[in-house]
Amino acid sequence: MKKRLQNTSITFRMMQHCLFRPTKRSRNRVREIPGEEAVTTYDYSAHIRDVRMMRARARSGVTQS
């Protein structure tokens, strides 16, 4: 990490280390754990599955009309 910071400006370093540092109060505040319905997830395998299906369609010669 040290090597990467050498090529950055002083302003960028200050922003990375000081500006976005949370306060002690916000770091120590107790947060509620969201319910199961409130959590959104991302389907990481959807793109892989879609590509596999497109390749299978292309191989079988079936076209969508």
N, C-alpha and C. Protein backbone atom coordinates (compact mmCIF):
# COMPACT_ATOMS: atom_id res chain seq x y z
N MET A 1 0.83 -1.19 0.00
CA MET A 1 0.00 0.00 0.00
C MET A 1 0.87 1.24 0.00
N LYS A 2 2.00 1.17 0.62
CA LYS A 2 2.86 2.33 0.70
C LYS A 2 3.34 2.76 -0.68
N LYS A 3 3.65 1.80 -1.52
CA LYS A 3 4.15 2.11 -2.85
C LYS A 3 3.07 2.84 -3.67
N ARG A 4 1.81 2.42 -3.53
CA ARG A 4 0.72 3.04 -4.28
C ARG A 4 0.49 4.48 -3.84
N LEU A 5 0.65 4.77 -2.56
CA LEU A 5 0.40 6.11 -2.07
C LEU A 5 1.50 7.10 -2.46
N GLN A 6 2.65 6.61 -2.85
CA GLN A 6 3.73 7.52 -3.23
C GLN A 6 3.39 8.30 -4.50
N ASN A 7 2.58 7.73 -5.38
CA ASN A 7 2.25 8.38 -6.64
C ASN A 7 0.97 9.19 -6.56
N THR A 8 0.47 9.47 -5.39
CA THR A 8 -0.77 10.22 -5.25
C THR A 8 -0.49 11.60 -4.67
N SER A 9 -1.44 12.48 -4.87
CA SER A 9 -1.27 13.85 -4.38
C SER A 9 -1.52 13.91 -2.88
N ILE A 10 -1.09 14.99 -2.28
CA ILE A 10 -1.29 15.20 -0.85
C ILE A 10 -2.78 15.30 -0.54
N THR A 11 -3.52 15.94 -1.43
CA THR A 11 -4.96 16.09 -1.22
C THR A 11 -5.65 14.73 -1.22
N PHE A 12 -5.26 13.87 -2.15
CA PHE A 12 -5.87 12.54 -2.23
C PHE A 12 -5.58 11.74 -0.97
N ARG A 13 -4.35 11.80 -0.48
CA ARG A 13 -3.99 11.10 0.76
C ARG A 13 -4.82 11.60 1.93
N MET A 14 -4.98 12.92 2.03
CA MET A 14 -5.76 13.49 3.12
C MET A 14 -7.21 13.01 3.04
N MET A 15 -7.76 12.98 1.84
CA MET A 15 -9.15 12.53 1.68
C MET A 15 -9.29 11.07 2.07
N GLN A 16 -8.34 10.24 1.70
CA GLN A 16 -8.42 8.82 2.01
C GLN A 16 -8.30 8.54 3.50
N HIS A 17 -7.48 9.28 4.21
CA HIS A 17 -7.18 8.95 5.60
C HIS A 17 -7.94 9.78 6.63
N CYS A 18 -8.35 10.98 6.27
CA CYS A 18 -8.95 11.85 7.28
C CYS A 18 -10.43 12.16 7.03
N LEU A 19 -10.76 12.51 5.81
CA LEU A 19 -12.08 13.02 5.52
C LEU A 19 -13.18 11.97 5.74
N PHE A 20 -12.91 10.72 5.38
CA PHE A 20 -13.94 9.70 5.45
C PHE A 20 -13.80 8.79 6.67
N ARG A 21 -13.01 9.20 7.63
CA ARG A 21 -12.85 8.41 8.85
C ARG A 21 -14.09 8.63 9.72
N PRO A 22 -14.78 7.58 10.12
CA PRO A 22 -15.97 7.76 10.96
C PRO A 22 -15.60 8.24 12.35
N THR A 23 -16.51 8.94 12.96
CA THR A 23 -16.27 9.44 14.32
C THR A 23 -16.37 8.30 15.31
N LYS A 24 -15.89 8.52 16.52
CA LYS A 24 -15.95 7.48 17.55
C LYS A 24 -17.40 7.12 17.85
N ARG A 25 -18.28 8.12 17.83
CA ARG A 25 -19.67 7.85 18.14
C ARG A 25 -20.31 6.93 17.11
N SER A 26 -20.04 7.19 15.82
CA SER A 26 -20.67 6.36 14.80
C SER A 26 -20.04 4.97 14.73
N ARG A 27 -18.77 4.86 15.11
CA ARG A 27 -18.14 3.54 15.11
C ARG A 27 -18.66 2.66 16.24
N ASN A 28 -18.98 3.27 17.37
CA ASN A 28 -19.39 2.50 18.55
C ASN A 28 -20.90 2.35 18.67
N ARG A 29 -21.66 3.00 17.82
CA ARG A 29 -23.12 2.94 17.91
C ARG A 29 -23.62 1.53 17.58
N VAL A 30 -24.57 1.07 18.34
CA VAL A 30 -25.15 -0.25 18.12
C VAL A 30 -26.11 -0.15 16.95
N ARG A 31 -25.93 -1.02 15.98
CA ARG A 31 -26.80 -1.02 14.79
C ARG A 31 -27.71 -2.23 14.83
N GLU A 32 -28.93 -2.03 14.36
CA GLU A 32 -29.87 -3.14 14.29
C GLU A 32 -29.47 -4.07 13.15
N ILE A 33 -29.66 -5.35 13.35
CA ILE A 33 -29.43 -6.31 12.27
C ILE A 33 -30.70 -6.35 11.43
N PRO A 34 -30.58 -6.08 10.11
CA PRO A 34 -31.79 -6.03 9.29
C PRO A 34 -32.45 -7.41 9.17
N GLY A 35 -33.75 -7.38 8.95
CA GLY A 35 -34.49 -8.62 8.78
C GLY A 35 -34.15 -9.28 7.46
N GLU A 36 -34.60 -10.49 7.29
CA GLU A 36 -34.27 -11.26 6.09
C GLU A 36 -34.85 -10.60 4.84
N GLU A 37 -36.03 -9.98 4.95
CA GLU A 37 -36.68 -9.35 3.81
C GLU A 37 -35.96 -8.07 3.39
N ALA A 38 -35.27 -7.41 4.32
CA ALA A 38 -34.64 -6.13 4.04
C ALA A 38 -33.29 -6.27 3.35
N VAL A 39 -32.72 -7.47 3.35
CA VAL A 39 -31.41 -7.68 2.76
C VAL A 39 -31.55 -8.01 1.28
N THR A 40 -30.87 -7.22 0.43
CA THR A 40 -30.90 -7.52 -1.00
C THR A 40 -29.63 -8.27 -1.35
N THR A 41 -29.76 -9.23 -2.22
CA THR A 41 -28.60 -10.03 -2.63
C THR A 41 -28.41 -9.92 -4.12
N TYR A 42 -27.26 -10.32 -4.59
CA TYR A 42 -26.93 -10.28 -6.00
C TYR A 42 -26.62 -11.70 -6.44
N ASP A 43 -27.23 -12.13 -7.54
CA ASP A 43 -27.02 -13.47 -8.06
C ASP A 43 -25.76 -13.48 -8.92
N TYR A 44 -24.66 -13.95 -8.35
CA TYR A 44 -23.38 -13.91 -9.05
C TYR A 44 -23.31 -14.89 -10.21
N SER A 45 -24.08 -15.94 -10.15
CA SER A 45 -23.99 -16.97 -11.19
C SER A 45 -24.96 -16.74 -12.34
N ALA A 46 -25.78 -15.69 -12.29
CA ALA A 46 -26.78 -15.47 -13.33
C ALA A 46 -26.14 -15.24 -14.69
N HIS A 47 -25.08 -14.45 -14.75
CA HIS A 47 -24.43 -14.16 -16.03
C HIS A 47 -23.81 -15.43 -16.62
N ILE A 48 -23.18 -16.23 -15.80
CA ILE A 48 -22.57 -17.47 -16.27
C ILE A 48 -23.63 -18.40 -16.83
N ARG A 49 -24.75 -18.49 -16.12
CA ARG A 49 -25.86 -19.33 -16.57
C ARG A 49 -26.43 -18.83 -17.90
N ASP A 50 -26.59 -17.51 -18.04
CA ASP A 50 -27.11 -16.94 -19.28
C ASP A 50 -26.19 -17.22 -20.46
N VAL A 51 -24.89 -17.07 -20.25
CA VAL A 51 -23.93 -17.34 -21.32
C VAL A 51 -23.98 -18.80 -21.72
N ARG A 52 -24.09 -19.69 -20.76
CA ARG A 52 -24.17 -21.13 -21.05
C ARG A 52 -25.42 -21.43 -21.87
N MET A 53 -26.55 -20.82 -21.51
CA MET A 53 -27.79 -21.05 -22.26
C MET A 53 -27.69 -20.49 -23.68
N MET A 54 -27.08 -19.31 -23.84
CA MET A 54 -26.92 -18.73 -25.18
C MET A 54 -26.05 -19.62 -26.06
N ARG A 55 -24.98 -20.17 -25.49
CA ARG A 55 -24.11 -21.06 -26.26
C ARG A 55 -24.85 -22.33 -26.66
N ALA A 56 -25.65 -22.88 -25.73
CA ALA A 56 -26.42 -24.09 -26.04
C ALA A 56 -27.43 -23.81 -27.15
N ARG A 57 -28.09 -22.66 -27.11
CA ARG A 57 -29.04 -22.30 -28.17
C ARG A 57 -28.33 -22.14 -29.51
N ALA A 58 -27.15 -21.51 -29.48
CA ALA A 58 -26.40 -21.30 -30.72
C ALA A 58 -25.94 -22.63 -31.32
N ARG A 59 -25.55 -23.58 -30.47
CA ARG A 59 -25.11 -24.87 -30.96
C ARG A 59 -26.25 -25.68 -31.56
N SER A 60 -27.42 -25.59 -30.94
CA SER A 60 -28.54 -26.38 -31.43
C SER A 60 -29.22 -25.75 -32.63
N GLY A 61 -28.90 -24.51 -32.92
CA GLY A 61 -29.46 -23.85 -34.10
C GLY A 61 -30.84 -23.27 -33.87
N VAL A 62 -31.30 -23.22 -32.65
CA VAL A 62 -32.61 -22.67 -32.34
C VAL A 62 -32.48 -21.16 -32.25
N THR A 63 -33.33 -20.45 -32.97
CA THR A 63 -33.33 -19.00 -32.92
C THR A 63 -34.63 -18.52 -32.33
N GLN A 64 -34.58 -17.40 -31.67
CA GLN A 64 -35.79 -16.82 -31.09
C GLN A 64 -36.46 -15.92 -32.11
N SER A 65 -37.78 -16.02 -32.25
CA SER A 65 -38.51 -15.17 -33.19
C SER A 65 -39.34 -14.15 -32.46
